Amino acid sequence: VKEVANLSLVSSACDVVSAAYASTKESHPCLRSVCDAAEKGVQSVSEVTASCVQPVLATLEPHVAAVSEYASKGLDKLGEKLPLLPKPVEQILSDTKELVSSRVAEVKEAVSS
């Protein structure tokens, strides 16, 4: 999970969503109270779940480590096949706009010829 979260694409997407969430909370007071209540509920559930799951995780730790190793290798292979993963969202959008713009220019040139 940490490796996935550390990918530039994932972390920048999370930053964008977080900023949008914060902005929405600031600009809509009614939503702010609903969001605050939801956040407190999620925090409480997370704390209770963590305390209940902790003994089970301690027992399963060797298995979790093995699965984590396989997942890490799979993520490395996926990163090789998808060059977008290490790029932040802003760069992907910029590259896409640039590509579309150049293709449109090529089409315009072909049509005018």
N, C-alpha and C. Protein backbone atom coordinates (compact mmCIF):
# COMPACT_ATOMS: atom_id res chain seq x y z
N VAL A 1 0.83 -1.19 0.00
CA VAL A 1 0.00 0.00 0.00
C VAL A 1 0.88 1.25 0.00
N LYS A 2 1.96 1.21 0.78
CA LYS A 2 2.84 2.37 0.82
C LYS A 2 3.47 2.64 -0.54
N GLU A 3 3.87 1.56 -1.23
CA GLU A 3 4.49 1.75 -2.55
C GLU A 3 3.51 2.35 -3.54
N VAL A 4 2.28 1.88 -3.51
CA VAL A 4 1.26 2.42 -4.41
C VAL A 4 1.00 3.89 -4.07
N ALA A 5 0.90 4.18 -2.78
CA ALA A 5 0.65 5.56 -2.35
C ALA A 5 1.80 6.49 -2.72
N ASN A 6 3.01 5.96 -2.81
CA ASN A 6 4.17 6.78 -3.13
C ASN A 6 4.36 7.01 -4.63
N LEU A 7 3.61 6.32 -5.46
CA LEU A 7 3.69 6.57 -6.91
C LEU A 7 3.26 8.01 -7.18
N SER A 8 3.99 8.69 -8.02
CA SER A 8 3.69 10.09 -8.31
C SER A 8 2.26 10.28 -8.79
N LEU A 9 1.80 9.41 -9.67
CA LEU A 9 0.44 9.52 -10.19
C LEU A 9 -0.59 9.42 -9.07
N VAL A 10 -0.41 8.45 -8.20
CA VAL A 10 -1.37 8.23 -7.11
C VAL A 10 -1.30 9.36 -6.09
N SER A 11 -0.08 9.72 -5.67
CA SER A 11 0.03 10.77 -4.65
C SER A 11 -0.45 12.12 -5.17
N SER A 12 -0.15 12.45 -6.43
CA SER A 12 -0.63 13.73 -6.96
C SER A 12 -2.15 13.71 -7.15
N ALA A 13 -2.71 12.57 -7.53
CA ALA A 13 -4.17 12.47 -7.64
C ALA A 13 -4.81 12.63 -6.26
N CYS A 14 -4.21 12.03 -5.25
CA CYS A 14 -4.72 12.20 -3.88
C CYS A 14 -4.64 13.65 -3.44
N ASP A 15 -3.56 14.33 -3.81
CA ASP A 15 -3.42 15.76 -3.48
C ASP A 15 -4.51 16.59 -4.14
N VAL A 16 -4.81 16.28 -5.40
CA VAL A 16 -5.86 17.00 -6.12
C VAL A 16 -7.21 16.79 -5.46
N VAL A 17 -7.51 15.53 -5.11
CA VAL A 17 -8.79 15.22 -4.46
C VAL A 17 -8.86 15.87 -3.09
N SER A 18 -7.77 15.83 -2.35
CA SER A 18 -7.73 16.44 -1.02
C SER A 18 -7.96 17.95 -1.10
N ALA A 19 -7.33 18.58 -2.06
CA ALA A 19 -7.50 20.03 -2.23
C ALA A 19 -8.94 20.36 -2.61
N ALA A 20 -9.54 19.56 -3.48
CA ALA A 20 -10.93 19.78 -3.87
C ALA A 20 -11.87 19.59 -2.67
N TYR A 21 -11.58 18.57 -1.86
CA TYR A 21 -12.39 18.31 -0.67
C TYR A 21 -12.29 19.48 0.31
N ALA A 22 -11.07 19.94 0.56
CA ALA A 22 -10.87 21.07 1.48
C ALA A 22 -11.55 22.33 0.97
N SER A 23 -11.44 22.56 -0.32
CA SER A 23 -12.06 23.74 -0.92
C SER A 23 -13.58 23.67 -0.81
N THR A 24 -14.13 22.49 -1.05
CA THR A 24 -15.58 22.31 -0.95
C THR A 24 -16.05 22.55 0.48
N LYS A 25 -15.29 22.03 1.44
CA LYS A 25 -15.66 22.23 2.84
C LYS A 25 -15.64 23.71 3.21
N GLU A 26 -14.66 24.43 2.69
CA GLU A 26 -14.54 25.86 3.01
C GLU A 26 -15.64 26.69 2.36
N SER A 27 -16.02 26.34 1.15
CA SER A 27 -16.98 27.17 0.44
C SER A 27 -18.45 26.83 0.71
N HIS A 28 -18.70 25.69 1.33
CA HIS A 28 -20.09 25.29 1.60
C HIS A 28 -20.23 24.92 3.08
N PRO A 29 -20.66 25.87 3.91
CA PRO A 29 -20.76 25.62 5.36
C PRO A 29 -21.66 24.44 5.72
N CYS A 30 -22.73 24.22 4.96
CA CYS A 30 -23.62 23.09 5.26
C CYS A 30 -22.89 21.77 5.05
N LEU A 31 -22.12 21.70 3.97
CA LEU A 31 -21.37 20.47 3.71
C LEU A 31 -20.25 20.27 4.73
N ARG A 32 -19.71 21.38 5.24
CA ARG A 32 -18.62 21.28 6.21
C ARG A 32 -19.06 20.48 7.43
N SER A 33 -20.25 20.77 7.94
CA SER A 33 -20.70 20.06 9.14
C SER A 33 -20.94 18.58 8.84
N VAL A 34 -21.47 18.29 7.66
CA VAL A 34 -21.69 16.89 7.27
C VAL A 34 -20.35 16.17 7.12
N CYS A 35 -19.40 16.82 6.47
CA CYS A 35 -18.07 16.23 6.28
C CYS A 35 -17.35 16.02 7.61
N ASP A 36 -17.47 17.00 8.52
CA ASP A 36 -16.84 16.86 9.83
C ASP A 36 -17.41 15.67 10.59
N ALA A 37 -18.73 15.52 10.54
CA ALA A 37 -19.37 14.38 11.21
C ALA A 37 -18.92 13.06 10.58
N ALA A 38 -18.85 13.03 9.26
CA ALA A 38 -18.41 11.81 8.57
C ALA A 38 -16.97 11.48 8.93
N GLU A 39 -16.12 12.51 9.00
CA GLU A 39 -14.71 12.28 9.35
C GLU A 39 -14.58 11.71 10.76
N LYS A 40 -15.36 12.24 11.72
CA LYS A 40 -15.33 11.72 13.09
C LYS A 40 -15.81 10.28 13.13
N GLY A 41 -16.84 9.97 12.35
CA GLY A 41 -17.34 8.59 12.30
C GLY A 41 -16.31 7.64 11.74
N VAL A 42 -15.67 8.03 10.66
CA VAL A 42 -14.64 7.19 10.04
C VAL A 42 -13.46 7.00 11.00
N GLN A 43 -13.09 8.06 11.71
CA GLN A 43 -11.99 7.97 12.66
C GLN A 43 -12.33 7.00 13.79
N SER A 44 -13.54 7.07 14.31
CA SER A 44 -13.96 6.17 15.39
C SER A 44 -13.97 4.72 14.92
N VAL A 45 -14.54 4.48 13.75
CA VAL A 45 -14.59 3.13 13.20
C VAL A 45 -13.19 2.60 12.95
N SER A 46 -12.30 3.45 12.45
CA SER A 46 -10.92 3.05 12.18
C SER A 46 -10.20 2.65 13.47
N GLU A 47 -10.40 3.42 14.52
CA GLU A 47 -9.75 3.11 15.79
C GLU A 47 -10.24 1.78 16.36
N VAL A 48 -11.55 1.55 16.31
CA VAL A 48 -12.11 0.29 16.82
C VAL A 48 -11.63 -0.87 15.97
N THR A 49 -11.65 -0.72 14.66
CA THR A 49 -11.21 -1.78 13.76
C THR A 49 -9.74 -2.09 13.97
N ALA A 50 -8.92 -1.07 14.13
CA ALA A 50 -7.48 -1.28 14.32
C ALA A 50 -7.22 -2.08 15.59
N SER A 51 -7.92 -1.76 16.66
CA SER A 51 -7.69 -2.49 17.91
C SER A 51 -8.15 -3.94 17.81
N CYS A 52 -9.20 -4.20 17.05
CA CYS A 52 -9.70 -5.58 16.89
C CYS A 52 -8.82 -6.39 15.94
N VAL A 53 -8.32 -5.76 14.91
CA VAL A 53 -7.57 -6.46 13.87
C VAL A 53 -6.11 -6.67 14.24
N GLN A 54 -5.58 -5.85 15.14
CA GLN A 54 -4.16 -5.92 15.49
C GLN A 54 -3.70 -7.32 15.90
N PRO A 55 -4.41 -8.04 16.79
CA PRO A 55 -3.95 -9.40 17.14
C PRO A 55 -3.93 -10.35 15.94
N VAL A 56 -4.90 -10.22 15.06
CA VAL A 56 -4.95 -11.08 13.87
C VAL A 56 -3.77 -10.77 12.95
N LEU A 57 -3.47 -9.49 12.78
CA LEU A 57 -2.35 -9.10 11.93
C LEU A 57 -1.02 -9.60 12.48
N ALA A 58 -0.88 -9.58 13.78
CA ALA A 58 0.35 -10.07 14.39
C ALA A 58 0.55 -11.56 14.07
N THR A 59 -0.53 -12.32 14.08
CA THR A 59 -0.46 -13.75 13.75
C THR A 59 -0.14 -13.96 12.28
N LEU A 60 -0.69 -13.12 11.44
CA LEU A 60 -0.53 -13.29 9.99
C LEU A 60 0.69 -12.56 9.42
N GLU A 61 1.49 -11.94 10.26
CA GLU A 61 2.59 -11.11 9.80
C GLU A 61 3.52 -11.79 8.79
N PRO A 62 3.96 -13.05 9.00
CA PRO A 62 4.83 -13.69 8.00
C PRO A 62 4.15 -13.83 6.63
N HIS A 63 2.86 -14.12 6.65
CA HIS A 63 2.13 -14.28 5.38
C HIS A 63 1.95 -12.93 4.70
N VAL A 64 1.69 -11.91 5.50
CA VAL A 64 1.53 -10.57 4.95
C VAL A 64 2.83 -10.10 4.32
N ALA A 65 3.96 -10.43 4.94
CA ALA A 65 5.26 -10.04 4.39
C ALA A 65 5.50 -10.71 3.03
N ALA A 66 5.12 -11.98 2.92
CA ALA A 66 5.30 -12.69 1.65
C ALA A 66 4.41 -12.09 0.57
N VAL A 67 3.18 -11.82 0.90
CA VAL A 67 2.26 -11.21 -0.06
C VAL A 67 2.76 -9.82 -0.46
N SER A 68 3.27 -9.08 0.51
CA SER A 68 3.80 -7.75 0.23
C SER A 68 4.96 -7.81 -0.75
N GLU A 69 5.82 -8.81 -0.59
CA GLU A 69 6.96 -8.96 -1.50
C GLU A 69 6.49 -9.25 -2.92
N TYR A 70 5.53 -10.16 -3.06
CA TYR A 70 4.99 -10.46 -4.39
C TYR A 70 4.29 -9.25 -4.99
N ALA A 71 3.56 -8.52 -4.17
CA ALA A 71 2.86 -7.32 -4.66
C ALA A 71 3.87 -6.28 -5.12
N SER A 72 4.96 -6.15 -4.40
CA SER A 72 6.00 -5.18 -4.77
C SER A 72 6.61 -5.54 -6.12
N LYS A 73 6.88 -6.82 -6.33
CA LYS A 73 7.43 -7.25 -7.62
C LYS A 73 6.43 -7.00 -8.74
N GLY A 74 5.16 -7.29 -8.47
CA GLY A 74 4.12 -7.05 -9.48
C GLY A 74 3.98 -5.58 -9.80
N LEU A 75 4.11 -4.74 -8.78
CA LEU A 75 4.03 -3.30 -8.99
C LEU A 75 5.20 -2.80 -9.82
N ASP A 76 6.38 -3.37 -9.59
CA ASP A 76 7.55 -3.00 -10.40
C ASP A 76 7.32 -3.36 -11.87
N LYS A 77 6.78 -4.55 -12.12
CA LYS A 77 6.50 -4.96 -13.50
C LYS A 77 5.44 -4.06 -14.13
N LEU A 78 4.42 -3.71 -13.35
CA LEU A 78 3.37 -2.84 -13.85
C LEU A 78 3.95 -1.46 -14.20
N GLY A 79 4.87 -0.97 -13.37
CA GLY A 79 5.52 0.31 -13.62
C GLY A 79 6.32 0.30 -14.90
N GLU A 80 6.91 -0.85 -15.24
CA GLU A 80 7.66 -0.96 -16.49
C GLU A 80 6.73 -0.89 -17.70
N LYS A 81 5.54 -1.48 -17.56
CA LYS A 81 4.60 -1.53 -18.68
C LYS A 81 3.76 -0.25 -18.81
N LEU A 82 3.59 0.47 -17.72
CA LEU A 82 2.81 1.70 -17.73
C LEU A 82 3.69 2.87 -17.32
N PRO A 83 4.29 3.55 -18.28
CA PRO A 83 5.20 4.65 -17.94
C PRO A 83 4.50 5.85 -17.31
N LEU A 84 3.17 5.85 -17.26
CA LEU A 84 2.45 6.97 -16.66
C LEU A 84 2.51 6.94 -15.13
N LEU A 85 2.70 5.76 -14.55
CA LEU A 85 2.64 5.64 -13.10
C LEU A 85 3.60 6.54 -12.33
N PRO A 86 4.85 6.69 -12.77
CA PRO A 86 5.73 7.56 -11.99
C PRO A 86 5.54 9.05 -12.24
N LYS A 87 4.63 9.41 -13.14
CA LYS A 87 4.43 10.83 -13.46
C LYS A 87 3.28 11.41 -12.64
N PRO A 88 3.39 12.67 -12.23
CA PRO A 88 2.27 13.32 -11.54
C PRO A 88 1.14 13.64 -12.51
N VAL A 89 -0.05 13.79 -11.98
CA VAL A 89 -1.23 14.06 -12.79
C VAL A 89 -1.03 15.29 -13.67
N GLU A 90 -0.45 16.35 -13.11
CA GLU A 90 -0.27 17.59 -13.86
C GLU A 90 0.58 17.36 -15.11
N GLN A 91 1.63 16.55 -14.97
CA GLN A 91 2.50 16.29 -16.12
C GLN A 91 1.76 15.45 -17.17
N ILE A 92 0.98 14.48 -16.73
CA ILE A 92 0.22 13.65 -17.67
C ILE A 92 -0.76 14.52 -18.44
N LEU A 93 -1.45 15.42 -17.74
CA LEU A 93 -2.40 16.32 -18.42
C LEU A 93 -1.68 17.23 -19.40
N SER A 94 -0.55 17.76 -18.99
CA SER A 94 0.22 18.64 -19.86
C SER A 94 0.71 17.89 -21.11
N ASP A 95 1.24 16.69 -20.91
CA ASP A 95 1.71 15.88 -22.04
C ASP A 95 0.56 15.54 -22.99
N THR A 96 -0.61 15.23 -22.41
CA THR A 96 -1.77 14.88 -23.23
C THR A 96 -2.25 16.09 -24.04
N LYS A 97 -2.29 17.26 -23.40
CA LYS A 97 -2.69 18.47 -24.12
C LYS A 97 -1.73 18.76 -25.26
N GLU A 98 -0.45 18.60 -24.98
CA GLU A 98 0.58 18.85 -26.00
C GLU A 98 0.42 17.88 -27.17
N LEU A 99 0.19 16.61 -26.87
CA LEU A 99 0.01 15.60 -27.91
C LEU A 99 -1.22 15.90 -28.76
N VAL A 100 -2.33 16.22 -28.09
CA VAL A 100 -3.57 16.53 -28.83
C VAL A 100 -3.37 17.77 -29.68
N SER A 101 -2.72 18.77 -29.13
CA SER A 101 -2.48 20.01 -29.88
C SER A 101 -1.64 19.75 -31.12
N SER A 102 -0.60 18.94 -30.99
CA SER A 102 0.24 18.66 -32.15
C SER A 102 -0.52 17.85 -33.20
N ARG A 103 -1.36 16.93 -32.74
CA ARG A 103 -2.17 16.14 -33.70
C ARG A 103 -3.17 17.02 -34.43
N VAL A 104 -3.79 17.94 -33.72
CA VAL A 104 -4.75 18.86 -34.34
C VAL A 104 -4.03 19.73 -35.36
N ALA A 105 -2.83 20.20 -35.03
CA ALA A 105 -2.05 21.01 -35.96
C ALA A 105 -1.72 20.21 -37.22
N GLU A 106 -1.37 18.94 -37.04
CA GLU A 106 -1.08 18.09 -38.20
C GLU A 106 -2.30 17.91 -39.07
N VAL A 107 -3.46 17.71 -38.45
CA VAL A 107 -4.72 17.54 -39.21
C VAL A 107 -5.05 18.82 -39.96
N LYS A 108 -4.90 19.98 -39.30
CA LYS A 108 -5.19 21.26 -39.95
C LYS A 108 -4.29 21.46 -41.16
N GLU A 109 -3.03 21.11 -40.98
CA GLU A 109 -2.06 21.25 -42.09
C GLU A 109 -2.43 20.32 -43.24
N ALA A 110 -2.82 19.11 -42.92
CA ALA A 110 -3.20 18.15 -43.96
C ALA A 110 -4.44 18.61 -44.70
N VAL A 111 -5.41 19.15 -43.97
CA VAL A 111 -6.67 19.62 -44.58
C VAL A 111 -6.40 20.84 -45.46
N SER A 112 -5.57 21.74 -44.98
CA SER A 112 -5.30 22.95 -45.78
C SER A 112 -4.48 22.64 -47.02
N SER A 113 -3.71 21.55 -46.98
CA SER A 113 -2.93 21.17 -48.16
C SER A 113 -3.87 20.61 -49.19
